[in-house]
Structures are given as structure tokens and as C-alpha cells.
PDB file of N, CA and C in Angstrom:
ATOM      1  N   MET A   1     -69.629  -0.153  10.242  1.00  0.00           N
ATOM      2  CA  MET A   1     -68.976  -0.751   9.461  1.00  0.00           C
ATOM      3  C   MET A   1     -68.981  -2.369   8.896  1.00  0.00           C
ATOM      4  N   VAL A   2     -69.153  -2.919   7.805  1.00  0.00           N
ATOM      5  CA  VAL A   2     -69.630  -4.356   7.825  1.00  0.00           C
ATOM      6  C   VAL A   2     -68.296  -5.120   7.118  1.00  0.00           C
ATOM      7  N   THR A   3     -67.534  -6.168   8.127  1.00  0.00           N
ATOM      8  CA  THR A   3     -66.793  -6.853   7.468  1.00  0.00           C
ATOM      9  C   THR A   3     -67.034  -8.006   6.691  1.00  0.00           C
ATOM     10  N   VAL A   4     -66.429  -7.625   5.478  1.00  0.00           N
ATOM     11  CA  VAL A   4     -66.768  -8.925   4.541  1.00  0.00           C
ATOM     12  C   VAL A   4     -65.371  -9.782   4.453  1.00  0.00           C
ATOM     13  N   ILE A   5     -65.355 -10.652   4.303  1.00  0.00           N
ATOM     14  CA  ILE A   5     -64.172 -11.582   4.140  1.00  0.00           C
ATOM     15  C   ILE A   5     -64.032 -12.470   2.593  1.00  0.00           C
ATOM     16  N   ILE A   6     -63.069 -11.960   2.029  1.00  0.00           N
ATOM     17  CA  ILE A   6     -62.990 -12.736   0.649  1.00  0.00           C
ATOM     18  C   ILE A   6     -62.100 -13.802   0.530  1.00  0.00           C
ATOM     19  N   GLU A   7     -61.888 -15.165   0.432  1.00  0.00           N
ATOM     20  CA  GLU A   7     -60.997 -16.124   0.263  1.00  0.00           C
ATOM     21  C   GLU A   7     -60.801 -16.605  -0.784  1.00  0.00           C
ATOM     22  N   ASN A   8     -59.533 -16.180  -1.670  1.00  0.00           N
ATOM     23  CA  ASN A   8     -59.626 -16.728  -3.288  1.00  0.00           C
ATOM     24  C   ASN A   8     -58.769 -17.696  -3.152  1.00  0.00           C
ATOM     25  N   GLN A   9     -59.109 -18.964  -3.540  1.00  0.00           N
ATOM     26  CA  GLN A   9     -58.564 -20.253  -3.449  1.00  0.00           C
ATOM     27  C   GLN A   9     -58.587 -20.565  -5.340  1.00  0.00           C
ATOM     28  N   MET A  10     -57.150 -20.690  -5.492  1.00  0.00           N
ATOM     29  CA  MET A  10     -56.950 -20.861  -6.974  1.00  0.00           C
ATOM     30  C   MET A  10     -56.815 -22.761  -7.115  1.00  0.00           C
ATOM     31  N   GLU A  11     -57.417 -23.232  -6.034  1.00  0.00           N
ATOM     32  CA  GLU A  11     -57.228 -24.693  -6.805  1.00  0.00           C
ATOM     33  C   GLU A  11     -58.568 -25.221  -5.462  1.00  0.00           C
ATOM     34  N   GLU A  12     -58.812 -26.624  -5.803  1.00  0.00           N
ATOM     35  CA  GLU A  12     -59.974 -27.280  -5.265  1.00  0.00           C
ATOM     36  C   GLU A  12     -59.629 -27.040  -3.693  1.00  0.00           C
ATOM     37  N   THR A  13     -61.077 -26.790  -3.234  1.00  0.00           N
ATOM     38  CA  THR A  13     -60.857 -26.399  -1.716  1.00  0.00           C
ATOM     39  C   THR A  13     -60.333 -27.402  -0.611  1.00  0.00           C
ATOM     40  N   ASP A  14     -59.785 -27.339   0.339  1.00  0.00           N
ATOM     41  CA  ASP A  14     -59.222 -27.899   1.324  1.00  0.00           C
ATOM     42  C   ASP A  14     -59.415 -27.690   2.970  1.00  0.00           C
ATOM     43  N   HIS A  15     -59.050 -28.418   3.486  1.00  0.00           N
ATOM     44  CA  HIS A  15     -58.961 -27.827   5.186  1.00  0.00           C
ATOM     45  C   HIS A  15     -58.373 -26.932   5.528  1.00  0.00           C
ATOM     46  N   SER A  16     -57.293 -26.651   5.174  1.00  0.00           N
ATOM     47  CA  SER A  16     -56.366 -25.427   5.495  1.00  0.00           C
ATOM     48  C   SER A  16     -57.046 -24.373   5.096  1.00  0.00           C
ATOM     49  N   HIS A  17     -57.713 -23.911   4.042  1.00  0.00           N
ATOM     50  CA  HIS A  17     -58.714 -22.518   3.682  1.00  0.00           C
ATOM     51  C   HIS A  17     -59.861 -22.505   4.571  1.00  0.00           C
ATOM     52  N   LEU A  18     -60.334 -23.566   4.899  1.00  0.00           N
ATOM     53  CA  LEU A  18     -61.734 -23.604   5.631  1.00  0.00           C
ATOM     54  C   LEU A  18     -61.224 -23.559   6.951  1.00  0.00           C
ATOM     55  N   GLY A  19     -60.012 -23.909   7.491  1.00  0.00           N
ATOM     56  CA  GLY A  19     -59.647 -23.267   9.015  1.00  0.00           C
ATOM     57  C   GLY A  19     -59.041 -21.964   8.745  1.00  0.00           C
ATOM     58  N   GLN A  20     -58.265 -21.410   7.737  1.00  0.00           N
ATOM     59  CA  GLN A  20     -58.074 -20.107   7.538  1.00  0.00           C
ATOM     60  C   GLN A  20     -59.294 -19.199   7.539  1.00  0.00           C
ATOM     61  N   ILE A  21     -60.431 -19.438   6.724  1.00  0.00           N
ATOM     62  CA  ILE A  21     -61.861 -18.749   6.908  1.00  0.00           C
ATOM     63  C   ILE A  21     -62.286 -18.411   8.306  1.00  0.00           C
ATOM     64  N   LEU A  22     -62.301 -19.404   8.986  1.00  0.00           N
ATOM     65  CA  LEU A  22     -62.912 -19.561  10.323  1.00  0.00           C
ATOM     66  C   LEU A  22     -62.371 -18.769  11.223  1.00  0.00           C
ATOM     67  N   THR A  23     -60.605 -18.842  11.071  1.00  0.00           N
ATOM     68  CA  THR A  23     -59.793 -18.070  11.895  1.00  0.00           C
ATOM     69  C   THR A  23     -60.136 -16.396  11.674  1.00  0.00           C
ATOM     70  N   TYR A  24     -60.380 -16.260  10.085  1.00  0.00           N
ATOM     71  CA  TYR A  24     -60.176 -14.764   9.761  1.00  0.00           C
ATOM     72  C   TYR A  24     -61.691 -14.611  10.199  1.00  0.00           C
ATOM     73  N   VAL A  25     -62.922 -14.750  10.167  1.00  0.00           N
ATOM     74  CA  VAL A  25     -63.970 -14.655  10.658  1.00  0.00           C
ATOM     75  C   VAL A  25     -64.173 -14.083  12.221  1.00  0.00           C
ATOM     76  N   VAL A  26     -63.329 -14.849  13.208  1.00  0.00           N
ATOM     77  CA  VAL A  26     -63.549 -14.566  14.433  1.00  0.00           C
ATOM     78  C   VAL A  26     -62.516 -13.421  14.667  1.00  0.00           C
ATOM     79  N   GLY A  27     -61.532 -13.288  14.011  1.00  0.00           N
ATOM     80  CA  GLY A  27     -60.445 -12.170  14.164  1.00  0.00           C
ATOM     81  C   GLY A  27     -61.015 -11.027  13.574  1.00  0.00           C
ATOM     82  N   ALA A  28     -61.802 -11.154  12.772  1.00  0.00           N
ATOM     83  CA  ALA A  28     -62.147  -9.524  12.158  1.00  0.00           C
ATOM     84  C   ALA A  28     -63.930  -9.644  12.346  1.00  0.00           C
ATOM     85  N   THR A  29     -64.456 -10.377  13.135  1.00  0.00           N
ATOM     86  CA  THR A  29     -65.734 -10.047  13.523  1.00  0.00           C
ATOM     87  C   THR A  29     -66.497  -9.870  12.568  1.00  0.00           C
ATOM     88  N   ALA A  30     -66.051 -10.522  11.164  1.00  0.00           N
ATOM     89  CA  ALA A  30     -67.238 -10.551  10.045  1.00  0.00           C
ATOM     90  C   ALA A  30     -68.344 -11.181   9.995  1.00  0.00           C
ATOM     91  N   LYS A  31     -69.475 -10.793   9.347  1.00  0.00           N
ATOM     92  CA  LYS A  31     -70.712 -11.713   9.273  1.00  0.00           C
ATOM     93  C   LYS A  31     -70.870 -12.074   7.772  1.00  0.00           C
ATOM     94  N   THR A  32     -69.909 -11.848   6.921  1.00  0.00           N
ATOM     95  CA  THR A  32     -69.968 -12.396   5.224  1.00  0.00           C
ATOM     96  C   THR A  32     -68.805 -12.803   5.277  1.00  0.00           C
ATOM     97  N   VAL A  33     -68.699 -14.398   4.685  1.00  0.00           N
ATOM     98  CA  VAL A  33     -67.852 -14.616   3.699  1.00  0.00           C
ATOM     99  C   VAL A  33     -67.971 -15.333   2.554  1.00  0.00           C
ATOM    100  N   ILE A  34     -67.229 -14.819   1.456  1.00  0.00           N
ATOM    101  CA  ILE A  34     -67.363 -15.596   0.482  1.00  0.00           C
ATOM    102  C   ILE A  34     -66.081 -16.476   0.000  1.00  0.00           C
ATOM    103  N   TRP A  35     -66.206 -17.579  -0.205  1.00  0.00           N
ATOM    104  CA  TRP A  35     -65.101 -18.420  -0.520  1.00  0.00           C
ATOM    105  C   TRP A  35     -64.903 -18.682  -1.856  1.00  0.00           C
ATOM    106  N   ILE A  36     -64.006 -18.295  -2.852  1.00  0.00           N
ATOM    107  CA  ILE A  36     -64.165 -18.153  -4.016  1.00  0.00           C
ATOM    108  C   ILE A  36     -63.194 -19.675  -4.492  1.00  0.00           C
ATOM    109  N   SER A  37     -63.667 -20.483  -5.018  1.00  0.00           N
ATOM    110  CA  SER A  37     -62.710 -21.461  -5.767  1.00  0.00           C
ATOM    111  C   SER A  37     -63.127 -22.363  -6.738  1.00  0.00           C
ATOM    112  N   PRO A  38     -62.586 -22.652  -8.000  1.00  0.00           N
ATOM    113  CA  PRO A  38     -62.944 -23.511  -9.283  1.00  0.00           C
ATOM    114  C   PRO A  38     -63.278 -24.737  -8.996  1.00  0.00           C
ATOM    115  N   ASP A  39     -63.304 -25.602  -8.054  1.00  0.00           N
ATOM    116  CA  ASP A  39     -63.279 -26.816  -7.748  1.00  0.00           C
ATOM    117  C   ASP A  39     -63.968 -27.006  -6.376  1.00  0.00           C
ATOM    118  N   PRO A  40     -65.126 -26.432  -5.950  1.00  0.00           N
ATOM    119  CA  PRO A  40     -65.410 -26.754  -4.176  1.00  0.00           C
ATOM    120  C   PRO A  40     -65.657 -28.271  -4.195  1.00  0.00           C
ATOM    121  N   ARG A  41     -65.099 -28.956  -3.269  1.00  0.00           N
ATOM    122  CA  ARG A  41     -65.424 -29.896  -3.131  1.00  0.00           C
ATOM    123  C   ARG A  41     -66.791 -30.560  -2.427  1.00  0.00           C
ATOM    124  N   PRO A  42     -67.374 -31.596  -2.632  1.00  0.00           N
ATOM    125  CA  PRO A  42     -68.806 -31.650  -1.833  1.00  0.00           C
ATOM    126  C   PRO A  42     -68.745 -31.705  -0.659  1.00  0.00           C
ATOM    127  N   GLU A  43     -67.468 -31.990   0.421  1.00  0.00           N
ATOM    128  CA  GLU A  43     -67.631 -32.103   1.687  1.00  0.00           C
ATOM    129  C   GLU A  43     -67.581 -30.652   2.472  1.00  0.00           C
ATOM    130  N   TYR A  44     -66.976 -29.871   1.402  1.00  0.00           N
ATOM    131  CA  TYR A  44     -66.776 -28.348   1.359  1.00  0.00           C
ATOM    132  C   TYR A  44     -68.131 -27.613   1.642  1.00  0.00           C
ATOM    133  N   VAL A  45     -68.630 -27.917   0.391  1.00  0.00           N
ATOM    134  CA  VAL A  45     -69.941 -27.548   0.280  1.00  0.00           C
ATOM    135  C   VAL A  45     -70.908 -28.103   1.533  1.00  0.00           C
ATOM    136  N   ALA A  46     -70.996 -29.227   1.499  1.00  0.00           N
ATOM    137  CA  ALA A  46     -71.606 -29.813   3.027  1.00  0.00           C
ATOM    138  C   ALA A  46     -71.438 -28.716   4.189  1.00  0.00           C
ATOM    139  N   SER A  47     -69.872 -28.481   4.399  1.00  0.00           N
ATOM    140  CA  SER A  47     -69.393 -27.967   5.633  1.00  0.00           C
ATOM    141  C   SER A  47     -70.388 -26.480   5.546  1.00  0.00           C
ATOM    142  N   VAL A  48     -69.952 -25.802   4.523  1.00  0.00           N
ATOM    143  CA  VAL A  48     -70.412 -24.336   4.660  1.00  0.00           C
ATOM    144  C   VAL A  48     -72.251 -24.455   4.642  1.00  0.00           C
ATOM    145  N   GLU A  49     -72.853 -25.413   4.232  1.00  0.00           N
ATOM    146  CA  GLU A  49     -74.006 -25.347   4.374  1.00  0.00           C
ATOM    147  C   GLU A  49     -74.583 -25.677   5.748  1.00  0.00           C
ATOM    148  N   TRP A  50     -74.113 -26.490   6.565  1.00  0.00           N
ATOM    149  CA  TRP A  50     -73.661 -26.676   7.693  1.00  0.00           C
ATOM    150  C   TRP A  50     -73.635 -25.737   8.595  1.00  0.00           C
ATOM    151  N   LEU A  51     -72.428 -25.143   8.523  1.00  0.00           N
ATOM    152  CA  LEU A  51     -72.155 -23.903   9.215  1.00  0.00           C
ATOM    153  C   LEU A  51     -73.208 -22.891   9.195  1.00  0.00           C
ATOM    154  N   ASN A  52     -73.928 -22.473   7.743  1.00  0.00           N
ATOM    155  CA  ASN A  52     -75.098 -21.789   7.836  1.00  0.00           C
ATOM    156  C   ASN A  52     -76.236 -22.191   8.456  1.00  0.00           C
ATOM    157  N   GLU A  53     -76.269 -23.333   8.725  1.00  0.00           N
ATOM    158  CA  GLU A  53     -77.490 -23.797   9.438  1.00  0.00           C
ATOM    159  C   GLU A  53     -77.329 -23.416  11.099  1.00  0.00           C
ATOM    160  N   ILE A  54     -76.458 -23.543  11.677  1.00  0.00           N
ATOM    161  CA  ILE A  54     -75.854 -23.627  13.011  1.00  0.00           C
ATOM    162  C   ILE A  54     -75.722 -21.891  13.405  1.00  0.00           C
ATOM    163  N   THR A  55     -75.384 -21.357  12.512  1.00  0.00           N
ATOM    164  CA  THR A  55     -74.970 -19.642  12.466  1.00  0.00           C
ATOM    165  C   THR A  55     -75.955 -19.137  12.898  1.00  0.00           C
ATOM    166  N   PRO A  56     -76.038 -17.831  13.773  1.00  0.00           N
ATOM    167  CA  PRO A  56     -77.355 -16.588  13.482  1.00  0.00           C
ATOM    168  C   PRO A  56     -77.402 -16.107  12.267  1.00  0.00           C
ATOM    169  N   VAL A  57     -78.657 -15.902  12.009  1.00  0.00           N
ATOM    170  CA  VAL A  57     -79.037 -15.564  10.891  1.00  0.00           C
ATOM    171  C   VAL A  57     -78.500 -14.051  10.190  1.00  0.00           C
ATOM    172  N   ASP A  58     -77.729 -13.431  11.085  1.00  0.00           N
ATOM    173  CA  ASP A  58     -77.105 -12.097  10.694  1.00  0.00           C
ATOM    174  C   ASP A  58     -75.377 -12.297  10.440  1.00  0.00           C
ATOM    175  N   MET A  59     -75.024 -13.788  10.553  1.00  0.00           N
ATOM    176  CA  MET A  59     -73.726 -14.390  10.032  1.00  0.00           C
ATOM    177  C   MET A  59     -73.607 -15.161   9.156  1.00  0.00           C
ATOM    178  N   LYS A  60     -73.480 -15.471   7.921  1.00  0.00           N
ATOM    179  CA  LYS A  60     -73.421 -16.381   7.343  1.00  0.00           C
ATOM    180  C   LYS A  60     -71.971 -16.345   6.242  1.00  0.00           C
ATOM    181  N   LEU A  61     -71.704 -17.590   6.314  1.00  0.00           N
ATOM    182  CA  LEU A  61     -70.613 -17.959   5.527  1.00  0.00           C
ATOM    183  C   LEU A  61     -71.331 -18.242   3.896  1.00  0.00           C
ATOM    184  N   LYS A  62     -71.300 -17.263   2.961  1.00  0.00           N
ATOM    185  CA  LYS A  62     -71.795 -17.217   1.804  1.00  0.00           C
ATOM    186  C   LYS A  62     -71.843 -18.331   0.957  1.00  0.00           C
ATOM    187  N   ASN A  63     -72.406 -18.937   0.005  1.00  0.00           N
ATOM    188  CA  ASN A  63     -72.069 -19.870  -0.981  1.00  0.00           C
ATOM    189  C   ASN A  63     -70.430 -19.961  -1.261  1.00  0.00           C
ATOM    190  N   ILE A  64     -70.129 -21.133  -1.998  1.00  0.00           N
ATOM    191  CA  ILE A  64     -68.843 -21.306  -2.193  1.00  0.00           C
ATOM    192  C   ILE A  64     -69.117 -20.888  -3.685  1.00  0.00           C
ATOM    193  N   HIS A  65     -68.417 -20.277  -4.639  1.00  0.00           N
ATOM    194  CA  HIS A  65     -68.685 -19.527  -5.899  1.00  0.00           C
ATOM    195  C   HIS A  65     -67.223 -20.355  -6.685  1.00  0.00           C
ATOM    196  N   LYS A  66     -68.101 -20.773  -7.951  1.00  0.00           N
ATOM    197  CA  LYS A  66     -67.116 -21.555  -8.834  1.00  0.00           C
ATOM    198  C   LYS A  66     -66.781 -20.614  -9.693  1.00  0.00           C
ATOM    199  N   PHE A  67     -65.864 -20.463 -10.333  1.00  0.00           N
ATOM    200  CA  PHE A  67     -65.391 -19.418 -11.241  1.00  0.00           C
ATOM    201  C   PHE A  67     -64.733 -20.117 -12.422  1.00  0.00           C
ATOM    202  N   HIS A  68     -64.793 -19.820 -13.518  1.00  0.00           N
ATOM    203  CA  HIS A  68     -63.846 -20.543 -14.754  1.00  0.00           C
ATOM    204  C   HIS A  68     -62.841 -19.283 -15.499  1.00  0.00           C
ATOM    205  N   GLU A  69     -61.850 -19.936 -15.547  1.00  0.00           N
ATOM    206  CA  GLU A  69     -61.239 -19.035 -16.529  1.00  0.00           C
ATOM    207  C   GLU A  69     -62.031 -18.724 -17.927  1.00  0.00           C
ATOM    208  N   THR A  70     -61.730 -17.515 -18.448  1.00  0.00           N
ATOM    209  CA  THR A  70     -62.365 -17.442 -19.788  1.00  0.00           C
ATOM    210  C   THR A  70     -61.195 -16.905 -20.848  1.00  0.00           C
ATOM    211  N   ASN A  71     -61.195 -17.274 -21.730  1.00  0.00           N
ATOM    212  CA  ASN A  71     -60.055 -16.928 -22.711  1.00  0.00           C
ATOM    213  C   ASN A  71     -60.440 -15.844 -23.354  1.00  0.00           C
ATOM    214  N   LEU A  72     -59.813 -14.570 -23.170  1.00  0.00           N
ATOM    215  CA  LEU A  72     -60.047 -13.336 -23.508  1.00  0.00           C
ATOM    216  C   LEU A  72     -59.636 -12.877 -25.060  1.00  0.00           C
ATOM    217  N   ASN A  73     -58.673 -13.797 -25.531  1.00  0.00           N
ATOM    218  CA  ASN A  73     -58.307 -13.391 -26.869  1.00  0.00           C
ATOM    219  C   ASN A  73     -59.327 -13.878 -28.013  1.00  0.00           C
TER     220      ASN A  73
END
């Protein structure tokens, strides 16, 4: 079984959520994390890139994904 962690943040990225993500990874022995935010700040994008450079190949914090609200009316 593969564990994937999805962190959905409704505001810009912050230290609190990055810390939560890292804690979840260790606790769940996850190999994949997806961090969703409408406004990923550059320092967190850089942190994710750095983490991906130093982690084993089979363990990645996937890209910080942006999402945009859409008016469905």
C-alpha cells in the first residue's frame, strides 16, 4: 500500500503547514506529498525543491500546486 498525503491549504503557504506536512510524512511513512495552495510563497517553493533534491528517489514532496476558484454560475 502506498500512502499519499494531501495538504489542502486555503491561504498562502506558511511555516505551520510545512511543519505539519513533514510530521505527517514521518508518522505515516508516506512517500508522496501534495501540498495544494492558492498562493505558494517563493520560499516554500524553494523549500520543496530543496527537500526533493536531498530525499531518496522514491520519496518526494510533489510540487506545490496552485488552484484557482472558478465561478460555475
